[in-house]
PDB file of N, CA and C in Angstrom:
ATOM      1  N   UNK A   1       0.834  -1.180   0.000  1.00  0.00           N
ATOM      2  CA  UNK A   1       0.000   0.000   0.000  1.00  0.00           C
ATOM      3  C   UNK A   1       0.882   1.248   0.000  1.00  0.00           C
ATOM      4  N   UNK A   2       0.470   2.269  -0.722  1.00  0.00           N
ATOM      5  CA  UNK A   2       1.251   3.506  -0.774  1.00  0.00           C
ATOM      6  C   UNK A   2       1.009   4.398   0.443  1.00  0.00           C
ATOM      7  N   UNK A   3       1.939   5.302   0.662  1.00  0.00           N
ATOM      8  CA  UNK A   3       1.840   6.283   1.742  1.00  0.00           C
ATOM      9  C   UNK A   3       1.349   7.587   1.138  1.00  0.00           C
ATOM     10  N   UNK A   4       0.315   8.176   1.726  1.00  0.00           N
ATOM     11  CA  UNK A   4      -0.244   9.436   1.250  1.00  0.00           C
ATOM     12  C   UNK A   4      -0.042  10.510   2.308  1.00  0.00           C
ATOM     13  N   UNK A   5      -0.015  11.762   1.860  1.00  0.00           N
ATOM     14  CA  UNK A   5       0.162  12.896   2.763  1.00  0.00           C
ATOM     15  C   UNK A   5      -1.174  13.618   2.938  1.00  0.00           C
ATOM     16  N   UNK A   6      -1.424  14.059   4.173  1.00  0.00           N
ATOM     17  CA  UNK A   6      -2.648  14.778   4.514  1.00  0.00           C
ATOM     18  C   UNK A   6      -2.259  16.037   5.281  1.00  0.00           C
ATOM     19  N   UNK A   7      -3.134  17.031   5.251  1.00  0.00           N
ATOM     20  CA  UNK A   7      -2.850  18.289   5.935  1.00  0.00           C
ATOM     21  C   UNK A   7      -4.011  18.656   6.856  1.00  0.00           C
ATOM     22  N   UNK A   8      -3.741  18.573   8.147  1.00  0.00           N
ATOM     23  CA  UNK A   8      -4.726  18.955   9.153  1.00  0.00           C
ATOM     24  C   UNK A   8      -4.588  20.462   9.390  1.00  0.00           C
ATOM     25  N   UNK A   9      -5.709  21.171   9.452  1.00  0.00           N
ATOM     26  CA  UNK A   9      -5.681  22.630   9.663  1.00  0.00           C
ATOM     27  C   UNK A   9      -5.102  22.993  11.027  1.00  0.00           C
ATOM     28  N   UNK A  10      -5.306  22.148  12.017  1.00  0.00           N
ATOM     29  CA  UNK A  10      -4.849  22.456  13.374  1.00  0.00           C
ATOM     30  C   UNK A  10      -3.456  21.887  13.672  1.00  0.00           C
ATOM     31  N   UNK A  11      -3.196  20.640  13.287  1.00  0.00           N
ATOM     32  CA  UNK A  11      -1.951  19.956  13.678  1.00  0.00           C
ATOM     33  C   UNK A  11      -0.862  20.000  12.615  1.00  0.00           C
ATOM     34  N   UNK A  12      -1.210  20.248  11.370  1.00  0.00           N
ATOM     35  CA  UNK A  12      -0.220  20.282  10.302  1.00  0.00           C
ATOM     36  C   UNK A  12      -0.217  19.002   9.483  1.00  0.00           C
ATOM     37  N   UNK A  13       0.855  18.794   8.686  1.00  0.00           N
ATOM     38  CA  UNK A  13       0.884  17.626   7.786  1.00  0.00           C
ATOM     39  C   UNK A  13       1.161  16.322   8.530  1.00  0.00           C
ATOM     40  N   UNK A  14       0.608  15.243   7.965  1.00  0.00           N
ATOM     41  CA  UNK A  14       0.897  13.890   8.453  1.00  0.00           C
ATOM     42  C   UNK A  14       0.775  12.916   7.296  1.00  0.00           C
ATOM     43  N   UNK A  15       1.344  11.732   7.484  1.00  0.00           N
ATOM     44  CA  UNK A  15       1.324  10.685   6.454  1.00  0.00           C
ATOM     45  C   UNK A  15       0.564   9.485   6.969  1.00  0.00           C
ATOM     46  N   UNK A  16      -0.039   8.740   6.020  1.00  0.00           N
ATOM     47  CA  UNK A  16      -0.772   7.540   6.400  1.00  0.00           C
ATOM     48  C   UNK A  16      -0.696   6.522   5.271  1.00  0.00           C
ATOM     49  N   UNK A  17      -0.686   5.266   5.647  1.00  0.00           N
ATOM     50  CA  UNK A  17      -0.653   4.149   4.713  1.00  0.00           C
ATOM     51  C   UNK A  17      -2.103   3.785   4.396  1.00  0.00           C
ATOM     52  N   UNK A  18      -2.480   3.893   3.098  1.00  0.00           N
ATOM     53  CA  UNK A  18      -3.872   3.651   2.695  1.00  0.00           C
ATOM     54  C   UNK A  18      -3.916   2.810   1.424  1.00  0.00           C
ATOM     55  N   UNK A  19      -5.002   2.090   1.185  1.00  0.00           N
ATOM     56  CA  UNK A  19      -5.163   1.381  -0.091  1.00  0.00           C
ATOM     57  C   UNK A  19      -5.331   2.392  -1.234  1.00  0.00           C
ATOM     58  N   UNK A  20      -4.930   2.024  -2.421  1.00  0.00           N
ATOM     59  CA  UNK A  20      -5.027   2.919  -3.572  1.00  0.00           C
ATOM     60  C   UNK A  20      -6.473   3.288  -3.894  1.00  0.00           C
ATOM     61  N   UNK A  21      -7.407   2.420  -3.594  1.00  0.00           N
ATOM     62  CA  UNK A  21      -8.814   2.707  -3.859  1.00  0.00           C
ATOM     63  C   UNK A  21      -9.320   3.873  -3.014  1.00  0.00           C
ATOM     64  N   UNK A  22      -8.657   4.147  -1.888  1.00  0.00           N
ATOM     65  CA  UNK A  22      -9.065   5.220  -0.983  1.00  0.00           C
ATOM     66  C   UNK A  22      -8.121   6.413  -1.051  1.00  0.00           C
ATOM     67  N   UNK A  23      -7.410   6.577  -2.151  1.00  0.00           N
ATOM     68  CA  UNK A  23      -6.373   7.611  -2.243  1.00  0.00           C
ATOM     69  C   UNK A  23      -6.921   9.032  -2.135  1.00  0.00           C
ATOM     70  N   UNK A  24      -8.108   9.302  -2.634  1.00  0.00           N
ATOM     71  CA  UNK A  24      -8.656  10.662  -2.613  1.00  0.00           C
ATOM     72  C   UNK A  24      -9.554  10.942  -1.412  1.00  0.00           C
ATOM     73  N   UNK A  25      -9.824   9.930  -0.601  1.00  0.00           N
ATOM     74  CA  UNK A  25     -10.683  10.118   0.573  1.00  0.00           C
ATOM     75  C   UNK A  25      -9.924  10.845   1.682  1.00  0.00           C
ATOM     76  N   UNK A  26     -10.607  11.720   2.433  1.00  0.00           N
ATOM     77  CA  UNK A  26      -9.941  12.373   3.572  1.00  0.00           C
ATOM     78  C   UNK A  26      -9.624  11.349   4.665  1.00  0.00           C
ATOM     79  N   UNK A  27      -8.664  11.694   5.513  1.00  0.00           N
ATOM     80  CA  UNK A  27      -8.230  10.802   6.586  1.00  0.00           C
ATOM     81  C   UNK A  27      -8.304  11.559   7.907  1.00  0.00           C
ATOM     82  N   UNK A  28      -8.669  10.871   8.989  1.00  0.00           N
ATOM     83  CA  UNK A  28      -8.722  11.500  10.298  1.00  0.00           C
ATOM     84  C   UNK A  28      -7.313  11.748  10.817  1.00  0.00           C
ATOM     85  N   UNK A  29      -7.100  12.926  11.372  1.00  0.00           N
ATOM     86  CA  UNK A  29      -5.803  13.298  11.941  1.00  0.00           C
ATOM     87  C   UNK A  29      -5.508  12.385  13.131  1.00  0.00           C
ATOM     88  N   UNK A  30      -4.279  11.863  13.259  1.00  0.00           N
ATOM     89  CA  UNK A  30      -3.973  10.965  14.380  1.00  0.00           C
ATOM     90  C   UNK A  30      -3.960  11.690  15.734  1.00  0.00           C
ATOM     91  N   UNK A  31      -3.846  13.023  15.751  1.00  0.00           N
ATOM     92  CA  UNK A  31      -3.767  13.770  17.018  1.00  0.00           C
ATOM     93  C   UNK A  31      -5.138  14.282  17.463  1.00  0.00           C
ATOM     94  N   UNK A  32      -5.858  14.967  16.571  1.00  0.00           N
ATOM     95  CA  UNK A  32      -7.115  15.603  16.976  1.00  0.00           C
ATOM     96  C   UNK A  32      -8.361  14.921  16.398  1.00  0.00           C
ATOM     97  N   UNK A  33      -8.182  13.902  15.556  1.00  0.00           N
ATOM     98  CA  UNK A  33      -9.286  13.124  14.977  1.00  0.00           C
ATOM     99  C   UNK A  33     -10.194  13.932  14.041  1.00  0.00           C
ATOM    100  N   UNK A  34      -9.718  15.078  13.530  1.00  0.00           N
ATOM    101  CA  UNK A  34     -10.483  15.878  12.575  1.00  0.00           C
ATOM    102  C   UNK A  34     -10.166  15.383  11.170  1.00  0.00           C
ATOM    103  N   UNK A  35     -11.153  15.357  10.304  1.00  0.00           N
ATOM    104  CA  UNK A  35     -10.954  14.891   8.932  1.00  0.00           C
ATOM    105  C   UNK A  35     -10.054  15.870   8.169  1.00  0.00           C
ATOM    106  N   UNK A  36      -9.004  15.335   7.538  1.00  0.00           N
ATOM    107  CA  UNK A  36      -8.035  16.165   6.811  1.00  0.00           C
ATOM    108  C   UNK A  36      -7.973  15.719   5.352  1.00  0.00           C
ATOM    109  N   UNK A  37      -7.896  16.675   4.406  1.00  0.00           N
ATOM    110  CA  UNK A  37      -7.827  16.303   2.980  1.00  0.00           C
ATOM    111  C   UNK A  37      -6.421  15.840   2.591  1.00  0.00           C
ATOM    112  N   UNK A  38      -6.364  15.062   1.552  1.00  0.00           N
ATOM    113  CA  UNK A  38      -5.076  14.608   1.017  1.00  0.00           C
ATOM    114  C   UNK A  38      -4.419  15.758   0.264  1.00  0.00           C
ATOM    115  N   UNK A  39      -3.099  15.899   0.427  1.00  0.00           N
ATOM    116  CA  UNK A  39      -2.322  16.921  -0.269  1.00  0.00           C
ATOM    117  C   UNK A  39      -1.048  16.285  -0.803  1.00  0.00           C
ATOM    118  N   UNK A  40      -0.403  16.951  -1.751  1.00  0.00           N
ATOM    119  CA  UNK A  40       0.890  16.498  -2.269  1.00  0.00           C
ATOM    120  C   UNK A  40       1.906  17.548  -1.858  1.00  0.00           C
ATOM    121  N   UNK A  41       2.687  17.238  -0.824  1.00  0.00           N
ATOM    122  CA  UNK A  41       3.659  18.184  -0.290  1.00  0.00           C
ATOM    123  C   UNK A  41       5.063  17.935  -0.812  1.00  0.00           C
ATOM    124  N   UNK A  42       5.403  16.685  -1.056  1.00  0.00           N
ATOM    125  CA  UNK A  42       6.747  16.352  -1.544  1.00  0.00           C
ATOM    126  C   UNK A  42       6.646  15.613  -2.859  1.00  0.00           C
ATOM    127  N   UNK A  43       7.651  15.784  -3.678  1.00  0.00           N
ATOM    128  CA  UNK A  43       7.699  15.082  -4.959  1.00  0.00           C
ATOM    129  C   UNK A  43       8.077  13.624  -4.731  1.00  0.00           C
ATOM    130  N   UNK A  44       7.632  12.718  -5.584  1.00  0.00           N
ATOM    131  CA  UNK A  44       8.042  11.323  -5.450  1.00  0.00           C
ATOM    132  C   UNK A  44       9.555  11.210  -5.593  1.00  0.00           C
ATOM    133  N   UNK A  45      10.153  10.301  -4.845  1.00  0.00           N
ATOM    134  CA  UNK A  45      11.603  10.125  -4.948  1.00  0.00           C
ATOM    135  C   UNK A  45      11.943   8.690  -5.299  1.00  0.00           C
ATOM    136  N   UNK A  46      13.130   8.513  -5.788  1.00  0.00           N
ATOM    137  CA  UNK A  46      13.584   7.198  -6.244  1.00  0.00           C
ATOM    138  C   UNK A  46      14.905   6.836  -5.568  1.00  0.00           C
ATOM    139  N   UNK A  47      15.034   7.111  -4.279  1.00  0.00           N
ATOM    140  CA  UNK A  47      16.299   6.861  -3.590  1.00  0.00           C
ATOM    141  C   UNK A  47      16.655   5.382  -3.530  1.00  0.00           C
ATOM    142  N   UNK A  48      15.671   4.518  -3.438  1.00  0.00           N
ATOM    143  CA  UNK A  48      15.942   3.078  -3.317  1.00  0.00           C
ATOM    144  C   UNK A  48      16.210   2.434  -4.671  1.00  0.00           C
ATOM    145  N   UNK A  49      15.975   3.158  -5.747  1.00  0.00           N
ATOM    146  CA  UNK A  49      16.121   2.609  -7.087  1.00  0.00           C
ATOM    147  C   UNK A  49      17.596   2.645  -7.526  1.00  0.00           C
ATOM    148  N   UNK A  50      18.078   1.623  -8.238  1.00  0.00           N
ATOM    149  CA  UNK A  50      19.455   1.651  -8.746  1.00  0.00           C
ATOM    150  C   UNK A  50      19.682   2.842  -9.679  1.00  0.00           C
ATOM    151  N   UNK A  51      20.926   3.308  -9.744  1.00  0.00           N
ATOM    152  CA  UNK A  51      21.276   4.502 -10.527  1.00  0.00           C
ATOM    153  C   UNK A  51      20.919   4.333 -12.003  1.00  0.00           C
ATOM    154  N   UNK A  52      21.132   3.150 -12.572  1.00  0.00           N
ATOM    155  CA  UNK A  52      20.840   2.928 -13.995  1.00  0.00           C
ATOM    156  C   UNK A  52      19.351   3.112 -14.276  1.00  0.00           C
ATOM    157  N   UNK A  53      18.528   2.620 -13.362  1.00  0.00           N
ATOM    158  CA  UNK A  53      17.090   2.732 -13.552  1.00  0.00           C
ATOM    159  C   UNK A  53      16.626   4.181 -13.393  1.00  0.00           C
ATOM    160  N   UNK A  54      17.223   4.919 -12.434  1.00  0.00           N
ATOM    161  CA  UNK A  54      16.886   6.338 -12.263  1.00  0.00           C
ATOM    162  C   UNK A  54      17.247   7.115 -13.519  1.00  0.00           C
ATOM    163  N   UNK A  55      18.424   6.805 -14.100  1.00  0.00           N
ATOM    164  CA  UNK A  55      18.858   7.487 -15.322  1.00  0.00           C
ATOM    165  C   UNK A  55      17.894   7.185 -16.471  1.00  0.00           C
ATOM    166  N   UNK A  56      17.462   5.929 -16.581  1.00  0.00           N
ATOM    167  CA  UNK A  56      16.512   5.550 -17.631  1.00  0.00           C
ATOM    168  C   UNK A  56      15.191   6.292 -17.459  1.00  0.00           C
ATOM    169  N   UNK A  57      14.730   6.430 -16.225  1.00  0.00           N
ATOM    170  CA  UNK A  57      13.494   7.183 -15.978  1.00  0.00           C
ATOM    171  C   UNK A  57      13.665   8.645 -16.381  1.00  0.00           C
ATOM    172  N   UNK A  58      14.819   9.227 -16.056  1.00  0.00           N
ATOM    173  CA  UNK A  58      15.071  10.628 -16.392  1.00  0.00           C
ATOM    174  C   UNK A  58      15.105  10.836 -17.901  1.00  0.00           C
ATOM    175  N   UNK A  59      15.771   9.934 -18.619  1.00  0.00           N
ATOM    176  CA  UNK A  59      15.837  10.032 -20.084  1.00  0.00           C
ATOM    177  C   UNK A  59      14.454   9.869 -20.683  1.00  0.00           C
ATOM    178  N   UNK A  60      13.693   8.914 -20.177  1.00  0.00           N
ATOM    179  CA  UNK A  60      12.334   8.681 -20.677  1.00  0.00           C
ATOM    180  C   UNK A  60      11.444   9.896 -20.420  1.00  0.00           C
ATOM    181  N   UNK A  61      11.576  10.493 -19.256  1.00  0.00           N
ATOM    182  CA  UNK A  61      10.771  11.664 -18.927  1.00  0.00           C
ATOM    183  C   UNK A  61      11.134  12.846 -19.829  1.00  0.00           C
ATOM    184  N   UNK A  62      12.419  13.037 -20.084  1.00  0.00           N
ATOM    185  CA  UNK A  62      12.859  14.118 -20.961  1.00  0.00           C
ATOM    186  C   UNK A  62      12.337  13.918 -22.376  1.00  0.00           C
ATOM    187  N   UNK A  63      12.433  12.698 -22.870  1.00  0.00           N
ATOM    188  CA  UNK A  63      12.046  12.446 -24.255  1.00  0.00           C
ATOM    189  C   UNK A  63      10.539  12.522 -24.463  1.00  0.00           C
ATOM    190  N   UNK A  64       9.757  12.236 -23.444  1.00  0.00           N
ATOM    191  CA  UNK A  64       8.309  12.277 -23.632  1.00  0.00           C
ATOM    192  C   UNK A  64       7.785  13.702 -23.737  1.00  0.00           C
ATOM    193  N   UNK A  65       8.493  14.674 -23.135  1.00  0.00           N
ATOM    194  CA  UNK A  65       8.028  16.054 -23.165  1.00  0.00           C
ATOM    195  C   UNK A  65       8.729  16.892 -24.215  1.00  0.00           C
ATOM    196  N   UNK A  66       9.930  16.519 -24.589  1.00  0.00           N
ATOM    197  CA  UNK A  66      10.687  17.327 -25.541  1.00  0.00           C
ATOM    198  C   UNK A  66      11.418  16.417 -26.526  1.00  0.00           C
ATOM    199  N   UNK A  67      10.711  15.898 -27.515  1.00  0.00           N
ATOM    200  CA  UNK A  67      11.388  15.043 -28.491  1.00  0.00           C
ATOM    201  C   UNK A  67      12.412  15.844 -29.287  1.00  0.00           C
ATOM    202  N   UNK A  68      13.426  15.156 -29.787  1.00  0.00           N
ATOM    203  CA  UNK A  68      14.478  15.821 -30.550  1.00  0.00           C
ATOM    204  C   UNK A  68      13.942  16.297 -31.897  1.00  0.00           C
ATOM    205  N   UNK A  69      14.452  17.438 -32.315  1.00  0.00           N
ATOM    206  CA  UNK A  69      14.155  17.909 -33.660  1.00  0.00           C
ATOM    207  C   UNK A  69      15.078  17.169 -34.621  1.00  0.00           C
ATOM    208  N   UNK A  70      14.825  17.292 -35.894  1.00  0.00           N
ATOM    209  CA  UNK A  70      15.661  16.638 -36.892  1.00  0.00           C
ATOM    210  C   UNK A  70      17.087  17.170 -36.822  1.00  0.00           C
ATOM    211  N   UNK A  71      17.235  18.476 -36.612  1.00  0.00           N
ATOM    212  CA  UNK A  71      18.572  19.070 -36.518  1.00  0.00           C
ATOM    213  C   UNK A  71      19.327  18.524 -35.308  1.00  0.00           C
ATOM    214  N   UNK A  72      18.648  18.359 -34.163  1.00  0.00           N
ATOM    215  CA  UNK A  72      19.294  17.799 -32.971  1.00  0.00           C
ATOM    216  C   UNK A  72      19.696  16.347 -33.206  1.00  0.00           C
ATOM    217  N   UNK A  73      18.827  15.590 -33.870  1.00  0.00           N
ATOM    218  CA  UNK A  73      19.141  14.194 -34.146  1.00  0.00           C
ATOM    219  C   UNK A  73      20.346  14.085 -35.058  1.00  0.00           C
ATOM    220  N   UNK A  74      20.375  14.908 -36.121  1.00  0.00           N
ATOM    221  CA  UNK A  74      21.494  14.866 -37.054  1.00  0.00           C
ATOM    222  C   UNK A  74      22.791  15.297 -36.381  1.00  0.00           C
ATOM    223  N   UNK A  75      22.711  16.234 -35.439  1.00  0.00           N
ATOM    224  CA  UNK A  75      23.910  16.678 -34.735  1.00  0.00           C
ATOM    225  C   UNK A  75      24.496  15.552 -33.888  1.00  0.00           C
ATOM    226  N   UNK A  76      23.657  14.721 -33.293  1.00  0.00           N
ATOM    227  CA  UNK A  76      24.158  13.626 -32.466  1.00  0.00           C
ATOM    228  C   UNK A  76      24.436  12.356 -33.269  1.00  0.00           C
ATOM    229  N   UNK A  77      23.872  12.230 -34.466  1.00  0.00           N
ATOM    230  CA  UNK A  77      24.081  11.058 -35.311  1.00  0.00           C
ATOM    231  C   UNK A  77      24.576  11.514 -36.684  1.00  0.00           C
ATOM    232  N   UNK A  78      25.779  12.025 -36.697  1.00  0.00           N
ATOM    233  CA  UNK A  78      26.352  12.526 -37.944  1.00  0.00           C
ATOM    234  C   UNK A  78      26.908  11.422 -38.813  1.00  0.00           C
ATOM    235  N   UNK A  79      27.685  11.790 -39.840  1.00  0.00           N
ATOM    236  CA  UNK A  79      28.220  10.805 -40.770  1.00  0.00           C
ATOM    237  C   UNK A  79      29.196   9.828 -40.133  1.00  0.00           C
ATOM    238  N   UNK A  80      29.819  10.180 -39.015  1.00  0.00           N
ATOM    239  CA  UNK A  80      30.758   9.267 -38.362  1.00  0.00           C
ATOM    240  C   UNK A  80      30.111   8.356 -37.351  1.00  0.00           C
ATOM    241  N   UNK A  81      28.813   8.452 -37.186  1.00  0.00           N
ATOM    242  CA  UNK A  81      28.101   7.662 -36.191  1.00  0.00           C
ATOM    243  C   UNK A  81      28.118   6.181 -36.583  1.00  0.00           C
ATOM    244  N   UNK A  82      28.413   5.323 -35.642  1.00  0.00           N
ATOM    245  CA  UNK A  82      28.489   3.890 -35.933  1.00  0.00           C
ATOM    246  C   UNK A  82      27.143   3.240 -36.131  1.00  0.00           C
ATOM    247  N   UNK A  83      26.081   3.832 -35.579  1.00  0.00           N
ATOM    248  CA  UNK A  83      24.771   3.175 -35.677  1.00  0.00           C
ATOM    249  C   UNK A  83      24.039   3.503 -36.966  1.00  0.00           C
ATOM    250  N   UNK A  84      24.364   4.634 -37.593  1.00  0.00           N
ATOM    251  CA  UNK A  84      23.577   4.997 -38.768  1.00  0.00           C
ATOM    252  C   UNK A  84      24.438   5.574 -39.896  1.00  0.00           C
ATOM    253  N   UNK A  85      25.724   5.276 -39.913  1.00  0.00           N
ATOM    254  CA  UNK A  85      26.560   5.799 -40.995  1.00  0.00           C
ATOM    255  C   UNK A  85      26.298   5.023 -42.277  1.00  0.00           C
ATOM    256  N   UNK A  86      26.637   5.635 -43.399  1.00  0.00           N
ATOM    257  CA  UNK A  86      26.287   5.047 -44.689  1.00  0.00           C
ATOM    258  C   UNK A  86      27.086   3.787 -44.996  1.00  0.00           C
ATOM    259  N   UNK A  87      28.282   3.683 -44.527  1.00  0.00           N
ATOM    260  CA  UNK A  87      29.082   2.492 -44.763  1.00  0.00           C
ATOM    261  C   UNK A  87      29.912   2.179 -43.538  1.00  0.00           C
ATOM    262  N   UNK A  88      29.968   0.923 -43.148  1.00  0.00           N
ATOM    263  CA  UNK A  88      30.719   0.541 -41.963  1.00  0.00           C
ATOM    264  C   UNK A  88      31.997  -0.165 -42.372  1.00  0.00           C
ATOM    265  N   UNK A  89      33.007  -0.019 -41.532  1.00  0.00           N
ATOM    266  CA  UNK A  89      34.278  -0.680 -41.789  1.00  0.00           C
ATOM    267  C   UNK A  89      34.244  -2.057 -41.151  1.00  0.00           C
ATOM    268  N   UNK A  90      34.600  -3.078 -41.936  1.00  0.00           N
ATOM    269  CA  UNK A  90      34.630  -4.452 -41.442  1.00  0.00           C
ATOM    270  C   UNK A  90      35.969  -5.067 -41.823  1.00  0.00           C
ATOM    271  N   UNK A  91      36.314  -6.165 -41.187  1.00  0.00           N
ATOM    272  CA  UNK A  91      37.552  -6.884 -41.492  1.00  0.00           C
ATOM    273  C   UNK A  91      37.245  -7.965 -42.534  1.00  0.00           C
ATOM    274  N   UNK A  92      38.121  -8.073 -43.535  1.00  0.00           N
ATOM    275  CA  UNK A  92      37.941  -9.144 -44.510  1.00  0.00           C
ATOM    276  C   UNK A  92      38.725 -10.372 -44.062  1.00  0.00           C
ATOM    277  N   UNK A  93      38.827 -11.411 -44.935  1.00  0.00           N
ATOM    278  CA  UNK A  93      39.499 -12.664 -44.584  1.00  0.00           C
ATOM    279  C   UNK A  93      40.963 -12.455 -44.217  1.00  0.00           C
ATOM    280  N   UNK A  94      41.622 -11.495 -44.849  1.00  0.00           N
ATOM    281  CA  UNK A  94      43.045 -11.249 -44.610  1.00  0.00           C
ATOM    282  C   UNK A  94      43.285 -10.367 -43.391  1.00  0.00           C
ATOM    283  N   UNK A  95      42.245  -9.845 -42.764  1.00  0.00           N
ATOM    284  CA  UNK A  95      42.392  -9.003 -41.583  1.00  0.00           C
ATOM    285  C   UNK A  95      42.519  -7.527 -41.880  1.00  0.00           C
ATOM    286  N   UNK A  96      42.426  -7.142 -43.146  1.00  0.00           N
ATOM    287  CA  UNK A  96      42.522  -5.720 -43.475  1.00  0.00           C
ATOM    288  C   UNK A  96      41.128  -5.087 -43.450  1.00  0.00           C
ATOM    289  N   UNK A  97      41.110  -3.770 -43.209  1.00  0.00           N
ATOM    290  CA  UNK A  97      39.837  -3.044 -43.152  1.00  0.00           C
ATOM    291  C   UNK A  97      39.244  -2.904 -44.544  1.00  0.00           C
ATOM    292  N   UNK A  98      37.950  -3.113 -44.619  1.00  0.00           N
ATOM    293  CA  UNK A  98      37.248  -2.999 -45.879  1.00  0.00           C
ATOM    294  C   UNK A  98      35.937  -2.272 -45.613  1.00  0.00           C
ATOM    295  N   UNK A  99      35.585  -1.325 -46.455  1.00  0.00           N
ATOM    296  CA  UNK A  99      34.351  -0.557 -46.291  1.00  0.00           C
ATOM    297  C   UNK A  99      33.174  -1.395 -46.775  1.00  0.00           C
ATOM    298  N   UNK A 100      32.193  -1.611 -45.902  1.00  0.00           N
ATOM    299  CA  UNK A 100      31.007  -2.368 -46.255  1.00  0.00           C
ATOM    300  C   UNK A 100      30.056  -1.442 -47.019  1.00  0.00           C
ATOM    301  N   UNK A 101      29.505  -1.880 -48.135  1.00  0.00           N
ATOM    302  CA  UNK A 101      28.617  -1.013 -48.908  1.00  0.00           C
ATOM    303  C   UNK A 101      27.348  -0.686 -48.126  1.00  0.00           C
ATOM    304  N   UNK A 102      26.829   0.498 -48.377  1.00  0.00           N
ATOM    305  CA  UNK A 102      25.605   0.922 -47.708  1.00  0.00           C
ATOM    306  C   UNK A 102      24.418   0.120 -48.228  1.00  0.00           C
ATOM    307  N   UNK A 103      23.430  -0.080 -47.388  1.00  0.00           N
ATOM    308  CA  UNK A 103      22.233  -0.820 -47.762  1.00  0.00           C
ATOM    309  C   UNK A 103      21.360   0.062 -48.655  1.00  0.00           C
ATOM    310  N   UNK A 104      20.787  -0.534 -49.674  1.00  0.00           N
ATOM    311  CA  UNK A 104      19.938   0.192 -50.602  1.00  0.00           C
ATOM    312  C   UNK A 104      18.605   0.518 -49.926  1.00  0.00           C
ATOM    313  N   UNK A 105      18.271   1.815 -49.896  1.00  0.00           N
ATOM    314  CA  UNK A 105      17.047   2.277 -49.262  1.00  0.00           C
ATOM    315  C   UNK A 105      16.313   3.164 -50.250  1.00  0.00           C
ATOM    316  N   UNK A 106      15.013   2.933 -50.382  1.00  0.00           N
ATOM    317  CA  UNK A 106      14.189   3.811 -51.208  1.00  0.00           C
ATOM    318  C   UNK A 106      13.212   4.539 -50.302  1.00  0.00           C
ATOM    319  N   UNK A 107      12.809   5.728 -50.722  1.00  0.00           N
ATOM    320  CA  UNK A 107      11.847   6.498 -49.933  1.00  0.00           C
ATOM    321  C   UNK A 107      10.675   6.894 -50.819  1.00  0.00           C
ATOM    322  N   UNK A 108       9.473   6.817 -50.247  1.00  0.00           N
ATOM    323  CA  UNK A 108       8.278   7.239 -50.968  1.00  0.00           C
ATOM    324  C   UNK A 108       8.057   8.731 -50.743  1.00  0.00           C
ATOM    325  N   UNK A 109       7.081   9.315 -51.418  1.00  0.00           N
ATOM    326  CA  UNK A 109       6.785  10.734 -51.246  1.00  0.00           C
ATOM    327  C   UNK A 109       6.343  11.049 -49.825  1.00  0.00           C
ATOM    328  N   UNK A 110       5.719  10.093 -49.158  1.00  0.00           N
ATOM    329  CA  UNK A 110       5.256  10.318 -47.782  1.00  0.00           C
ATOM    330  C   UNK A 110       6.388  10.204 -46.774  1.00  0.00           C
ATOM    331  N   UNK A 111       7.564   9.742 -47.203  1.00  0.00           N
ATOM    332  CA  UNK A 111       8.705   9.626 -46.301  1.00  0.00           C
ATOM    333  C   UNK A 111       8.936   8.222 -45.784  1.00  0.00           C
ATOM    334  N   UNK A 112       8.093   7.263 -46.193  1.00  0.00           N
ATOM    335  CA  UNK A 112       8.265   5.887 -45.741  1.00  0.00           C
ATOM    336  C   UNK A 112       9.482   5.265 -46.417  1.00  0.00           C
ATOM    337  N   UNK A 113      10.216   4.464 -45.656  1.00  0.00           N
ATOM    338  CA  UNK A 113      11.409   3.808 -46.199  1.00  0.00           C
ATOM    339  C   UNK A 113      11.048   2.437 -46.756  1.00  0.00           C
ATOM    340  N   UNK A 114      11.749   2.045 -47.781  1.00  0.00           N
ATOM    341  CA  UNK A 114      11.597   0.723 -48.352  1.00  0.00           C
ATOM    342  C   UNK A 114      12.963   0.109 -48.575  1.00  0.00           C
ATOM    343  N   UNK A 115      13.070  -1.191 -48.392  1.00  0.00           N
ATOM    344  CA  UNK A 115      14.328  -1.906 -48.569  1.00  0.00           C
ATOM    345  C   UNK A 115      14.131  -2.967 -49.646  1.00  0.00           C
ATOM    346  N   UNK A 116      14.419  -2.627 -50.892  1.00  0.00           N
ATOM    347  CA  UNK A 116      14.142  -3.565 -51.976  1.00  0.00           C
ATOM    348  C   UNK A 116      14.999  -4.827 -51.919  1.00  0.00           C
ATOM    349  N   UNK A 117      16.148  -4.788 -51.246  1.00  0.00           N
ATOM    350  CA  UNK A 117      16.993  -5.973 -51.183  1.00  0.00           C
ATOM    351  C   UNK A 117      16.676  -6.843 -49.981  1.00  0.00           C
ATOM    352  N   UNK A 118      15.752  -6.418 -49.139  1.00  0.00           N
ATOM    353  CA  UNK A 118      15.414  -7.178 -47.934  1.00  0.00           C
ATOM    354  C   UNK A 118      14.619  -8.420 -48.284  1.00  0.00           C
ATOM    355  N   UNK A 119      14.706  -9.383 -47.436  1.00  0.00           N
ATOM    356  CA  UNK A 119      13.922 -10.598 -47.624  1.00  0.00           C
ATOM    357  C   UNK A 119      12.471 -10.285 -47.270  1.00  0.00           C
ATOM    358  N   UNK A 120      11.510 -10.629 -48.115  1.00  0.00           N
ATOM    359  CA  UNK A 120      10.107 -10.252 -47.870  1.00  0.00           C
ATOM    360  C   UNK A 120       9.511 -10.923 -46.636  1.00  0.00           C
ATOM    361  N   UNK A 121      10.067 -11.999 -46.167  1.00  0.00           N
ATOM    362  CA  UNK A 121       9.492 -12.688 -45.028  1.00  0.00           C
ATOM    363  C   UNK A 121      10.070 -12.164 -43.704  1.00  0.00           C
ATOM    364  N   UNK A 122      11.029 -11.258 -43.753  1.00  0.00           N
ATOM    365  CA  UNK A 122      11.611 -10.701 -42.537  1.00  0.00           C
ATOM    366  C   UNK A 122      10.873  -9.437 -42.116  1.00  0.00           C
ATOM    367  N   UNK A 123      10.722  -9.251 -40.833  1.00  0.00           N
ATOM    368  CA  UNK A 123      10.114  -8.047 -40.285  1.00  0.00           C
ATOM    369  C   UNK A 123      11.241  -7.156 -39.804  1.00  0.00           C
ATOM    370  N   UNK A 124      11.311  -5.941 -40.344  1.00  0.00           N
ATOM    371  CA  UNK A 124      12.374  -5.022 -39.980  1.00  0.00           C
ATOM    372  C   UNK A 124      11.910  -4.124 -38.859  1.00  0.00           C
ATOM    373  N   UNK A 125      12.855  -3.433 -38.225  1.00  0.00           N
ATOM    374  CA  UNK A 125      12.493  -2.510 -37.147  1.00  0.00           C
ATOM    375  C   UNK A 125      12.578  -1.076 -37.580  1.00  0.00           C
TER     376      UNK A 125
END
């Protein structure tokens, strides 16, 4: 069960453990027994969460409110980017570097990509 915060007019704020179904219901103050409404005084925290998970939440929160523009994306994924560059360097049988040819991509007027050399039974991402 989650912990909710309540604010008594006479005694001040207090916390109580309540079922989620009763989250919006007022709670009696533990000191004076007067009904107090639920309030949000502190922001949720993630102190017990591992650092990697906190970072993932922060990145997800940032991206949901402010998606990257095309210019920002291109700035972070330029021609030298390993994930989306036009040709990647690979090792051949002799161990020397060889430039791998770029994959053939076609685009429609609507901007949809097509891969004419792809296997038709494969689902791409």
